[in-house]
Amino acid sequence: MIEIIEQENLLENAACVGAYLQERLRTLQAHGAPICEVRGRGLMIGVELTHPVARTVFQNALERRLILNAVGDTVLRIVPPLVITKRDVDEAIRNSRLAVFQEVSV
């Protein structure tokens, strides 16, 4: 397992794609998504919401085949697989941004 992680440069991918995912989430925040803060390291990302709607956002995401974790009323945890690509991030954001965040009434 460790050999595969090293051979496939998965740690480098986690750092690069994780930073990209955080950037994309901050872009959603700038465009009105109810996001207060985006934080994390690599592909373990926390999203603090401005209102207690994490469970609603979680449910909306799940209906669109995105797995998030509501770890409180205002915090989402995102931990995608190590093999995720920037293209995967773009597709997830594009396919879900309106539905996941904008259907939430705050």
PDB file of N, CA and C in Angstrom:
ATOM      1  N   MET A   1       0.822  -1.191   0.000  1.00  0.00           N
ATOM      2  CA  MET A   1       0.000   0.000   0.000  1.00  0.00           C
ATOM      3  C   MET A   1       0.867   1.257   0.000  1.00  0.00           C
ATOM      4  N   ILE A   2       1.869   1.316   0.857  1.00  0.00           N
ATOM      5  CA  ILE A   2       2.756   2.475   0.916  1.00  0.00           C
ATOM      6  C   ILE A   2       3.478   2.648  -0.414  1.00  0.00           C
ATOM      7  N   GLU A   3       3.865   1.546  -1.022  1.00  0.00           N
ATOM      8  CA  GLU A   3       4.555   1.614  -2.312  1.00  0.00           C
ATOM      9  C   GLU A   3       3.670   2.255  -3.371  1.00  0.00           C
ATOM     10  N   ILE A   4       2.410   1.907  -3.393  1.00  0.00           N
ATOM     11  CA  ILE A   4       1.481   2.482  -4.372  1.00  0.00           C
ATOM     12  C   ILE A   4       1.318   3.980  -4.135  1.00  0.00           C
ATOM     13  N   ILE A   5       1.185   4.365  -2.874  1.00  0.00           N
ATOM     14  CA  ILE A   5       1.063   5.792  -2.541  1.00  0.00           C
ATOM     15  C   ILE A   5       2.283   6.554  -3.051  1.00  0.00           C
ATOM     16  N   GLU A   6       3.451   5.978  -2.856  1.00  0.00           N
ATOM     17  CA  GLU A   6       4.675   6.625  -3.317  1.00  0.00           C
ATOM     18  C   GLU A   6       4.775   6.611  -4.843  1.00  0.00           C
ATOM     19  N   GLN A   7       4.510   5.466  -5.470  1.00  0.00           N
ATOM     20  CA  GLN A   7       4.626   5.337  -6.924  1.00  0.00           C
ATOM     21  C   GLN A   7       3.657   6.258  -7.654  1.00  0.00           C
ATOM     22  N   GLU A   8       2.476   6.405  -7.121  1.00  0.00           N
ATOM     23  CA  GLU A   8       1.450   7.216  -7.774  1.00  0.00           C
ATOM     24  C   GLU A   8       1.490   8.687  -7.347  1.00  0.00           C
ATOM     25  N   ASN A   9       2.460   9.039  -6.510  1.00  0.00           N
ATOM     26  CA  ASN A   9       2.605  10.421  -6.017  1.00  0.00           C
ATOM     27  C   ASN A   9       1.318  10.935  -5.375  1.00  0.00           C
ATOM     28  N   LEU A  10       0.670  10.084  -4.613  1.00  0.00           N
ATOM     29  CA  LEU A  10      -0.628  10.436  -4.050  1.00  0.00           C
ATOM     30  C   LEU A  10      -0.533  11.497  -2.957  1.00  0.00           C
ATOM     31  N   LEU A  11       0.577  11.558  -2.239  1.00  0.00           N
ATOM     32  CA  LEU A  11       0.717  12.609  -1.227  1.00  0.00           C
ATOM     33  C   LEU A  11       0.853  13.976  -1.885  1.00  0.00           C
ATOM     34  N   GLU A  12       1.627  14.040  -2.959  1.00  0.00           N
ATOM     35  CA  GLU A  12       1.746  15.299  -3.711  1.00  0.00           C
ATOM     36  C   GLU A  12       0.397  15.682  -4.305  1.00  0.00           C
ATOM     37  N   ASN A  13      -0.318  14.693  -4.825  1.00  0.00           N
ATOM     38  CA  ASN A  13      -1.640  14.951  -5.385  1.00  0.00           C
ATOM     39  C   ASN A  13      -2.583  15.487  -4.314  1.00  0.00           C
ATOM     40  N   ALA A  14      -2.526  14.910  -3.126  1.00  0.00           N
ATOM     41  CA  ALA A  14      -3.396  15.361  -2.041  1.00  0.00           C
ATOM     42  C   ALA A  14      -3.128  16.823  -1.701  1.00  0.00           C
ATOM     43  N   ALA A  15      -1.866  17.204  -1.639  1.00  0.00           N
ATOM     44  CA  ALA A  15      -1.524  18.595  -1.324  1.00  0.00           C
ATOM     45  C   ALA A  15      -1.991  19.539  -2.438  1.00  0.00           C
ATOM     46  N   CYS A  16      -1.724  19.170  -3.670  1.00  0.00           N
ATOM     47  CA  CYS A  16      -2.056  20.022  -4.814  1.00  0.00           C
ATOM     48  C   CYS A  16      -3.568  20.136  -5.011  1.00  0.00           C
ATOM     49  N   VAL A  17      -4.251  19.011  -5.071  1.00  0.00           N
ATOM     50  CA  VAL A  17      -5.691  19.018  -5.322  1.00  0.00           C
ATOM     51  C   VAL A  17      -6.445  19.548  -4.097  1.00  0.00           C
ATOM     52  N   GLY A  18      -5.927  19.278  -2.904  1.00  0.00           N
ATOM     53  CA  GLY A  18      -6.550  19.815  -1.703  1.00  0.00           C
ATOM     54  C   GLY A  18      -6.536  21.336  -1.694  1.00  0.00           C
ATOM     55  N   ALA A  19      -5.399  21.920  -2.060  1.00  0.00           N
ATOM     56  CA  ALA A  19      -5.303  23.384  -2.152  1.00  0.00           C
ATOM     57  C   ALA A  19      -6.261  23.914  -3.219  1.00  0.00           C
ATOM     58  N   TYR A  20      -6.355  23.202  -4.325  1.00  0.00           N
ATOM     59  CA  TYR A  20      -7.263  23.602  -5.403  1.00  0.00           C
ATOM     60  C   TYR A  20      -8.723  23.534  -4.954  1.00  0.00           C
ATOM     61  N   LEU A  21      -9.085  22.476  -4.245  1.00  0.00           N
ATOM     62  CA  LEU A  21     -10.452  22.339  -3.747  1.00  0.00           C
ATOM     63  C   LEU A  21     -10.778  23.468  -2.773  1.00  0.00           C
ATOM     64  N   GLN A  22      -9.848  23.795  -1.894  1.00  0.00           N
ATOM     65  CA  GLN A  22     -10.084  24.901  -0.975  1.00  0.00           C
ATOM     66  C   GLN A  22     -10.286  26.218  -1.740  1.00  0.00           C
ATOM     67  N   GLU A  23      -9.485  26.416  -2.771  1.00  0.00           N
ATOM     68  CA  GLU A  23      -9.624  27.612  -3.607  1.00  0.00           C
ATOM     69  C   GLU A  23     -11.007  27.680  -4.251  1.00  0.00           C
ATOM     70  N   ARG A  24     -11.460  26.558  -4.771  1.00  0.00           N
ATOM     71  CA  ARG A  24     -12.786  26.521  -5.415  1.00  0.00           C
ATOM     72  C   ARG A  24     -13.901  26.775  -4.401  1.00  0.00           C
ATOM     73  N   LEU A  25     -13.752  26.245  -3.179  1.00  0.00           N
ATOM     74  CA  LEU A  25     -14.750  26.488  -2.142  1.00  0.00           C
ATOM     75  C   LEU A  25     -14.772  27.963  -1.747  1.00  0.00           C
ATOM     76  N   ARG A  26     -13.604  28.591  -1.702  1.00  0.00           N
ATOM     77  CA  ARG A  26     -13.552  30.028  -1.396  1.00  0.00           C
ATOM     78  C   ARG A  26     -14.195  30.849  -2.511  1.00  0.00           C
ATOM     79  N   THR A  27     -14.099  30.362  -3.734  1.00  0.00           N
ATOM     80  CA  THR A  27     -14.781  31.029  -4.844  1.00  0.00           C
ATOM     81  C   THR A  27     -16.294  30.946  -4.661  1.00  0.00           C
ATOM     82  N   LEU A  28     -16.782  29.774  -4.238  1.00  0.00           N
ATOM     83  CA  LEU A  28     -18.210  29.655  -3.930  1.00  0.00           C
ATOM     84  C   LEU A  28     -18.599  30.638  -2.833  1.00  0.00           C
ATOM     85  N   GLN A  29     -17.759  30.754  -1.830  1.00  0.00           N
ATOM     86  CA  GLN A  29     -18.004  31.684  -0.733  1.00  0.00           C
ATOM     87  C   GLN A  29     -18.112  33.112  -1.271  1.00  0.00           C
ATOM     88  N   ALA A  30     -17.201  33.492  -2.148  1.00  0.00           N
ATOM     89  CA  ALA A  30     -17.206  34.844  -2.722  1.00  0.00           C
ATOM     90  C   ALA A  30     -18.450  35.103  -3.562  1.00  0.00           C
ATOM     91  N   HIS A  31     -19.055  34.026  -4.063  1.00  0.00           N
ATOM     92  CA  HIS A  31     -20.264  34.163  -4.886  1.00  0.00           C
ATOM     93  C   HIS A  31     -21.543  33.926  -4.095  1.00  0.00           C
ATOM     94  N   GLY A  32     -21.460  33.994  -2.774  1.00  0.00           N
ATOM     95  CA  GLY A  32     -22.665  33.982  -1.970  1.00  0.00           C
ATOM     96  C   GLY A  32     -23.036  32.699  -1.258  1.00  0.00           C
ATOM     97  N   ALA A  33     -22.242  31.640  -1.419  1.00  0.00           N
ATOM     98  CA  ALA A  33     -22.542  30.415  -0.670  1.00  0.00           C
ATOM     99  C   ALA A  33     -22.386  30.726   0.818  1.00  0.00           C
ATOM    100  N   PRO A  34     -23.198  30.112   1.673  1.00  0.00           N
ATOM    101  CA  PRO A  34     -23.157  30.428   3.101  1.00  0.00           C
ATOM    102  C   PRO A  34     -21.946  29.815   3.807  1.00  0.00           C
ATOM    103  N   ILE A  35     -20.760  30.186   3.333  1.00  0.00           N
ATOM    104  CA  ILE A  35     -19.509  29.671   3.878  1.00  0.00           C
ATOM    105  C   ILE A  35     -18.820  30.782   4.655  1.00  0.00           C
ATOM    106  N   CYS A  36     -18.470  30.478   5.887  1.00  0.00           N
ATOM    107  CA  CYS A  36     -17.768  31.424   6.750  1.00  0.00           C
ATOM    108  C   CYS A  36     -16.252  31.254   6.620  1.00  0.00           C
ATOM    109  N   GLU A  37     -15.804  29.985   6.598  1.00  0.00           N
ATOM    110  CA  GLU A  37     -14.370  29.705   6.555  1.00  0.00           C
ATOM    111  C   GLU A  37     -14.132  28.348   5.905  1.00  0.00           C
ATOM    112  N   VAL A  38     -13.019  28.265   5.177  1.00  0.00           N
ATOM    113  CA  VAL A  38     -12.558  27.006   4.600  1.00  0.00           C
ATOM    114  C   VAL A  38     -11.178  26.749   5.192  1.00  0.00           C
ATOM    115  N   ARG A  39     -10.970  25.562   5.743  1.00  0.00           N
ATOM    116  CA  ARG A  39      -9.684  25.255   6.354  1.00  0.00           C
ATOM    117  C   ARG A  39      -9.358  23.780   6.121  1.00  0.00           C
ATOM    118  N   GLY A  40      -8.102  23.458   6.275  1.00  0.00           N
ATOM    119  CA  GLY A  40      -7.718  22.064   6.151  1.00  0.00           C
ATOM    120  C   GLY A  40      -6.282  21.907   5.718  1.00  0.00           C
ATOM    121  N   ARG A  41      -5.950  20.662   5.510  1.00  0.00           N
ATOM    122  CA  ARG A  41      -4.615  20.305   5.061  1.00  0.00           C
ATOM    123  C   ARG A  41      -4.746  19.128   4.117  1.00  0.00           C
ATOM    124  N   GLY A  42      -4.126  19.262   2.958  1.00  0.00           N
ATOM    125  CA  GLY A  42      -4.253  18.199   1.971  1.00  0.00           C
ATOM    126  C   GLY A  42      -5.712  18.029   1.588  1.00  0.00           C
ATOM    127  N   LEU A  43      -6.167  16.791   1.581  1.00  0.00           N
ATOM    128  CA  LEU A  43      -7.547  16.514   1.188  1.00  0.00           C
ATOM    129  C   LEU A  43      -8.497  16.370   2.373  1.00  0.00           C
ATOM    130  N   MET A  44      -8.069  16.758   3.558  1.00  0.00           N
ATOM    131  CA  MET A  44      -8.977  16.790   4.703  1.00  0.00           C
ATOM    132  C   MET A  44      -9.363  18.253   4.911  1.00  0.00           C
ATOM    133  N   ILE A  45     -10.598  18.578   4.544  1.00  0.00           N
ATOM    134  CA  ILE A  45     -11.031  19.969   4.491  1.00  0.00           C
ATOM    135  C   ILE A  45     -12.266  20.173   5.351  1.00  0.00           C
ATOM    136  N   GLY A  46     -12.257  21.248   6.095  1.00  0.00           N
ATOM    137  CA  GLY A  46     -13.408  21.646   6.892  1.00  0.00           C
ATOM    138  C   GLY A  46     -14.007  22.906   6.318  1.00  0.00           C
ATOM    139  N   VAL A  47     -15.324  22.955   6.273  1.00  0.00           N
ATOM    140  CA  VAL A  47     -16.041  24.131   5.780  1.00  0.00           C
ATOM    141  C   VAL A  47     -16.989  24.580   6.886  1.00  0.00           C
ATOM    142  N   GLU A  48     -16.721  25.762   7.424  1.00  0.00           N
ATOM    143  CA  GLU A  48     -17.613  26.311   8.433  1.00  0.00           C
ATOM    144  C   GLU A  48     -18.650  27.177   7.732  1.00  0.00           C
ATOM    145  N   LEU A  49     -19.904  26.928   8.030  1.00  0.00           N
ATOM    146  CA  LEU A  49     -21.003  27.635   7.390  1.00  0.00           C
ATOM    147  C   LEU A  49     -21.457  28.814   8.253  1.00  0.00           C
ATOM    148  N   THR A  50     -22.067  29.779   7.613  1.00  0.00           N
ATOM    149  CA  THR A  50     -22.509  30.986   8.323  1.00  0.00           C
ATOM    150  C   THR A  50     -23.788  30.762   9.110  1.00  0.00           C
ATOM    151  N   HIS A  51     -24.511  29.708   8.799  1.00  0.00           N
ATOM    152  CA  HIS A  51     -25.777  29.396   9.455  1.00  0.00           C
ATOM    153  C   HIS A  51     -25.813  27.898   9.785  1.00  0.00           C
ATOM    154  N   PRO A  52     -26.655  27.478  10.701  1.00  0.00           N
ATOM    155  CA  PRO A  52     -26.717  26.058  11.081  1.00  0.00           C
ATOM    156  C   PRO A  52     -27.478  25.208  10.054  1.00  0.00           C
ATOM    157  N   VAL A  53     -26.878  25.056   8.873  1.00  0.00           N
ATOM    158  CA  VAL A  53     -27.530  24.322   7.780  1.00  0.00           C
ATOM    159  C   VAL A  53     -26.681  23.157   7.274  1.00  0.00           C
ATOM    160  N   ALA A  54     -25.706  22.726   8.055  1.00  0.00           N
ATOM    161  CA  ALA A  54     -24.793  21.674   7.588  1.00  0.00           C
ATOM    162  C   ALA A  54     -25.532  20.392   7.225  1.00  0.00           C
ATOM    163  N   ARG A  55     -26.506  20.018   8.019  1.00  0.00           N
ATOM    164  CA  ARG A  55     -27.227  18.776   7.729  1.00  0.00           C
ATOM    165  C   ARG A  55     -28.053  18.886   6.443  1.00  0.00           C
ATOM    166  N   THR A  56     -28.588  20.060   6.185  1.00  0.00           N
ATOM    167  CA  THR A  56     -29.327  20.280   4.934  1.00  0.00           C
ATOM    168  C   THR A  56     -28.381  20.242   3.742  1.00  0.00           C
ATOM    169  N   VAL A  57     -27.232  20.895   3.864  1.00  0.00           N
ATOM    170  CA  VAL A  57     -26.237  20.867   2.792  1.00  0.00           C
ATOM    171  C   VAL A  57     -25.776  19.427   2.564  1.00  0.00           C
ATOM    172  N   PHE A  58     -25.542  18.690   3.647  1.00  0.00           N
ATOM    173  CA  PHE A  58     -25.150  17.281   3.540  1.00  0.00           C
ATOM    174  C   PHE A  58     -26.193  16.494   2.753  1.00  0.00           C
ATOM    175  N   GLN A  59     -27.455  16.663   3.096  1.00  0.00           N
ATOM    176  CA  GLN A  59     -28.524  15.918   2.427  1.00  0.00           C
ATOM    177  C   GLN A  59     -28.616  16.305   0.951  1.00  0.00           C
ATOM    178  N   ASN A  60     -28.523  17.598   0.657  1.00  0.00           N
ATOM    179  CA  ASN A  60     -28.549  18.053  -0.732  1.00  0.00           C
ATOM    180  C   ASN A  60     -27.383  17.464  -1.526  1.00  0.00           C
ATOM    181  N   ALA A  61     -26.219  17.425  -0.914  1.00  0.00           N
ATOM    182  CA  ALA A  61     -25.046  16.864  -1.586  1.00  0.00           C
ATOM    183  C   ALA A  61     -25.222  15.368  -1.830  1.00  0.00           C
ATOM    184  N   LEU A  62     -25.709  14.668  -0.826  1.00  0.00           N
ATOM    185  CA  LEU A  62     -25.898  13.224  -0.948  1.00  0.00           C
ATOM    186  C   LEU A  62     -26.861  12.891  -2.084  1.00  0.00           C
ATOM    187  N   GLU A  63     -27.905  13.678  -2.240  1.00  0.00           N
ATOM    188  CA  GLU A  63     -28.859  13.466  -3.334  1.00  0.00           C
ATOM    189  C   GLU A  63     -28.203  13.654  -4.693  1.00  0.00           C
ATOM    190  N   ARG A  64     -27.080  14.378  -4.731  1.00  0.00           N
ATOM    191  CA  ARG A  64     -26.351  14.611  -5.974  1.00  0.00           C
ATOM    192  C   ARG A  64     -25.082  13.758  -6.056  1.00  0.00           C
ATOM    193  N   ARG A  65     -25.046  12.711  -5.219  1.00  0.00           N
ATOM    194  CA  ARG A  65     -23.969  11.724  -5.217  1.00  0.00           C
ATOM    195  C   ARG A  65     -22.627  12.288  -4.774  1.00  0.00           C
ATOM    196  N   LEU A  66     -22.665  13.298  -3.913  1.00  0.00           N
ATOM    197  CA  LEU A  66     -21.454  13.837  -3.295  1.00  0.00           C
ATOM    198  C   LEU A  66     -21.482  13.471  -1.822  1.00  0.00           C
ATOM    199  N   ILE A  67     -20.387  12.944  -1.345  1.00  0.00           N
ATOM    200  CA  ILE A  67     -20.342  12.526   0.045  1.00  0.00           C
ATOM    201  C   ILE A  67     -19.594  13.576   0.863  1.00  0.00           C
ATOM    202  N   LEU A  68     -20.327  14.235   1.716  1.00  0.00           N
ATOM    203  CA  LEU A  68     -19.791  15.174   2.694  1.00  0.00           C
ATOM    204  C   LEU A  68     -20.173  14.627   4.057  1.00  0.00           C
ATOM    205  N   ASN A  69     -19.642  15.236   5.092  1.00  0.00           N
ATOM    206  CA  ASN A  69     -19.989  14.812   6.432  1.00  0.00           C
ATOM    207  C   ASN A  69     -20.344  16.050   7.244  1.00  0.00           C
ATOM    208  N   ALA A  70     -21.554  16.102   7.747  1.00  0.00           N
ATOM    209  CA  ALA A  70     -21.956  17.187   8.643  1.00  0.00           C
ATOM    210  C   ALA A  70     -21.483  16.812  10.038  1.00  0.00           C
ATOM    211  N   VAL A  71     -20.508  17.543  10.552  1.00  0.00           N
ATOM    212  CA  VAL A  71     -19.936  17.199  11.853  1.00  0.00           C
ATOM    213  C   VAL A  71     -20.420  18.137  12.951  1.00  0.00           C
ATOM    214  N   GLY A  72     -21.461  18.827  12.662  1.00  0.00           N
ATOM    215  CA  GLY A  72     -22.080  19.749  13.599  1.00  0.00           C
ATOM    216  C   GLY A  72     -23.126  20.529  12.832  1.00  0.00           C
ATOM    217  N   ASP A  73     -23.726  21.488  13.466  1.00  0.00           N
ATOM    218  CA  ASP A  73     -24.750  22.285  12.791  1.00  0.00           C
ATOM    219  C   ASP A  73     -24.174  23.218  11.737  1.00  0.00           C
ATOM    220  N   THR A  74     -22.909  23.625  11.925  1.00  0.00           N
ATOM    221  CA  THR A  74     -22.329  24.612  11.011  1.00  0.00           C
ATOM    222  C   THR A  74     -21.038  24.157  10.348  1.00  0.00           C
ATOM    223  N   VAL A  75     -20.662  22.892  10.481  1.00  0.00           N
ATOM    224  CA  VAL A  75     -19.382  22.441   9.924  1.00  0.00           C
ATOM    225  C   VAL A  75     -19.567  21.208   9.048  1.00  0.00           C
ATOM    226  N   LEU A  76     -18.960  21.287   7.862  1.00  0.00           N
ATOM    227  CA  LEU A  76     -18.901  20.149   6.946  1.00  0.00           C
ATOM    228  C   LEU A  76     -17.463  19.664   6.863  1.00  0.00           C
ATOM    229  N   ARG A  77     -17.299  18.366   6.767  1.00  0.00           N
ATOM    230  CA  ARG A  77     -15.978  17.785   6.547  1.00  0.00           C
ATOM    231  C   ARG A  77     -16.001  17.151   5.162  1.00  0.00           C
ATOM    232  N   ILE A  78     -14.973  17.448   4.396  1.00  0.00           N
ATOM    233  CA  ILE A  78     -14.822  16.887   3.056  1.00  0.00           C
ATOM    234  C   ILE A  78     -13.497  16.130   3.031  1.00  0.00           C
ATOM    235  N   VAL A  79     -13.567  14.836   2.732  1.00  0.00           N
ATOM    236  CA  VAL A  79     -12.362  14.013   2.679  1.00  0.00           C
ATOM    237  C   VAL A  79     -12.460  13.115   1.435  1.00  0.00           C
ATOM    238  N   PRO A  80     -12.133  13.678   0.270  1.00  0.00           N
ATOM    239  CA  PRO A  80     -12.203  12.869  -0.953  1.00  0.00           C
ATOM    240  C   PRO A  80     -11.056  11.861  -1.023  1.00  0.00           C
ATOM    241  N   PRO A  81     -11.140  10.909  -1.941  1.00  0.00           N
ATOM    242  CA  PRO A  81     -10.078   9.904  -2.073  1.00  0.00           C
ATOM    243  C   PRO A  81      -8.765  10.530  -2.560  1.00  0.00           C
ATOM    244  N   LEU A  82      -7.668   9.887  -2.240  1.00  0.00           N
ATOM    245  CA  LEU A  82      -6.347  10.403  -2.623  1.00  0.00           C
ATOM    246  C   LEU A  82      -6.168  10.511  -4.130  1.00  0.00           C
ATOM    247  N   VAL A  83      -6.941   9.781  -4.897  1.00  0.00           N
ATOM    248  CA  VAL A  83      -6.771   9.775  -6.355  1.00  0.00           C
ATOM    249  C   VAL A  83      -7.619  10.844  -7.057  1.00  0.00           C
ATOM    250  N   ILE A  84      -8.318  11.687  -6.313  1.00  0.00           N
ATOM    251  CA  ILE A  84      -9.137  12.725  -6.929  1.00  0.00           C
ATOM    252  C   ILE A  84      -8.252  13.666  -7.758  1.00  0.00           C
ATOM    253  N   THR A  85      -8.812  14.168  -8.842  1.00  0.00           N
ATOM    254  CA  THR A  85      -8.087  15.089  -9.718  1.00  0.00           C
ATOM    255  C   THR A  85      -8.744  16.466  -9.694  1.00  0.00           C
ATOM    256  N   LYS A  86      -8.046  17.454 -10.224  1.00  0.00           N
ATOM    257  CA  LYS A  86      -8.630  18.791 -10.343  1.00  0.00           C
ATOM    258  C   LYS A  86      -9.880  18.740 -11.219  1.00  0.00           C
ATOM    259  N   ARG A  87      -9.840  17.909 -12.215  1.00  0.00           N
ATOM    260  CA  ARG A  87     -11.010  17.747 -13.094  1.00  0.00           C
ATOM    261  C   ARG A  87     -12.211  17.222 -12.307  1.00  0.00           C
ATOM    262  N   ASP A  88     -11.973  16.258 -11.406  1.00  0.00           N
ATOM    263  CA  ASP A  88     -13.042  15.743 -10.548  1.00  0.00           C
ATOM    264  C   ASP A  88     -13.605  16.857  -9.662  1.00  0.00           C
ATOM    265  N   VAL A  89     -12.711  17.672  -9.118  1.00  0.00           N
ATOM    266  CA  VAL A  89     -13.145  18.794  -8.275  1.00  0.00           C
ATOM    267  C   VAL A  89     -14.009  19.746  -9.084  1.00  0.00           C
ATOM    268  N   ASP A  90     -13.547  20.094 -10.277  1.00  0.00           N
ATOM    269  CA  ASP A  90     -14.312  21.007 -11.129  1.00  0.00           C
ATOM    270  C   ASP A  90     -15.695  20.451 -11.439  1.00  0.00           C
ATOM    271  N   GLU A  91     -15.758  19.169 -11.747  1.00  0.00           N
ATOM    272  CA  GLU A  91     -17.042  18.548 -12.067  1.00  0.00           C
ATOM    273  C   GLU A  91     -17.969  18.559 -10.854  1.00  0.00           C
ATOM    274  N   ALA A  92     -17.428  18.225  -9.697  1.00  0.00           N
ATOM    275  CA  ALA A  92     -18.247  18.210  -8.477  1.00  0.00           C
ATOM    276  C   ALA A  92     -18.768  19.607  -8.158  1.00  0.00           C
ATOM    277  N   ILE A  93     -17.914  20.600  -8.270  1.00  0.00           N
ATOM    278  CA  ILE A  93     -18.332  21.981  -7.990  1.00  0.00           C
ATOM    279  C   ILE A  93     -19.368  22.431  -9.015  1.00  0.00           C
ATOM    280  N   ARG A  94     -19.100  22.181 -10.277  1.00  0.00           N
ATOM    281  CA  ARG A  94     -20.006  22.607 -11.344  1.00  0.00           C
ATOM    282  C   ARG A  94     -21.378  21.937 -11.223  1.00  0.00           C
ATOM    283  N   ASN A  95     -21.391  20.659 -10.940  1.00  0.00           N
ATOM    284  CA  ASN A  95     -22.650  19.924 -10.887  1.00  0.00           C
ATOM    285  C   ASN A  95     -23.442  20.159  -9.620  1.00  0.00           C
ATOM    286  N   SER A  96     -22.805  20.677  -8.607  1.00  0.00           N
ATOM    287  CA  SER A  96     -23.494  20.739  -7.329  1.00  0.00           C
ATOM    288  C   SER A  96     -23.624  22.122  -6.726  1.00  0.00           C
ATOM    289  N   ARG A  97     -22.859  23.083  -7.174  1.00  0.00           N
ATOM    290  CA  ARG A  97     -22.787  24.345  -6.428  1.00  0.00           C
ATOM    291  C   ARG A  97     -24.135  25.012  -6.239  1.00  0.00           C
ATOM    292  N   LEU A  98     -24.939  25.073  -7.253  1.00  0.00           N
ATOM    293  CA  LEU A  98     -26.241  25.723  -7.110  1.00  0.00           C
ATOM    294  C   LEU A  98     -27.149  24.920  -6.204  1.00  0.00           C
ATOM    295  N   ALA A  99     -27.201  23.640  -6.457  1.00  0.00           N
ATOM    296  CA  ALA A  99     -28.133  22.790  -5.719  1.00  0.00           C
ATOM    297  C   ALA A  99     -27.741  22.631  -4.252  1.00  0.00           C
ATOM    298  N   VAL A 100     -26.481  22.414  -3.995  1.00  0.00           N
ATOM    299  CA  VAL A 100     -26.057  22.105  -2.633  1.00  0.00           C
ATOM    300  C   VAL A 100     -26.171  23.313  -1.717  1.00  0.00           C
ATOM    301  N   PHE A 101     -25.682  24.463  -2.153  1.00  0.00           N
ATOM    302  CA  PHE A 101     -25.669  25.608  -1.273  1.00  0.00           C
ATOM    303  C   PHE A 101     -26.834  26.571  -1.486  1.00  0.00           C
ATOM    304  N   GLN A 102     -27.255  26.765  -2.710  1.00  0.00           N
ATOM    305  CA  GLN A 102     -28.234  27.805  -2.944  1.00  0.00           C
ATOM    306  C   GLN A 102     -29.675  27.380  -2.642  1.00  0.00           C
ATOM    307  N   GLU A 103     -29.909  26.087  -2.482  1.00  0.00           N
ATOM    308  CA  GLU A 103     -31.241  25.653  -2.062  1.00  0.00           C
ATOM    309  C   GLU A 103     -31.430  25.813  -0.568  1.00  0.00           C
ATOM    310  N   VAL A 104     -30.339  26.133   0.136  1.00  0.00           N
ATOM    311  CA  VAL A 104     -30.405  26.294   1.582  1.00  0.00           C
ATOM    312  C   VAL A 104     -30.948  27.688   1.878  1.00  0.00           C
ATOM    313  N   SER A 105     -32.037  27.731   2.617  1.00  0.00           N
ATOM    314  CA  SER A 105     -32.592  29.024   2.983  1.00  0.00           C
ATOM    315  C   SER A 105     -31.941  29.484   4.282  1.00  0.00           C
ATOM    316  N   VAL A 106     -31.302  30.644   4.222  1.00  0.00           N
ATOM    317  CA  VAL A 106     -30.629  31.176   5.412  1.00  0.00           C
ATOM    318  C   VAL A 106     -31.213  32.506   5.799  1.00  0.00           C
TER     319      VAL A 106
END
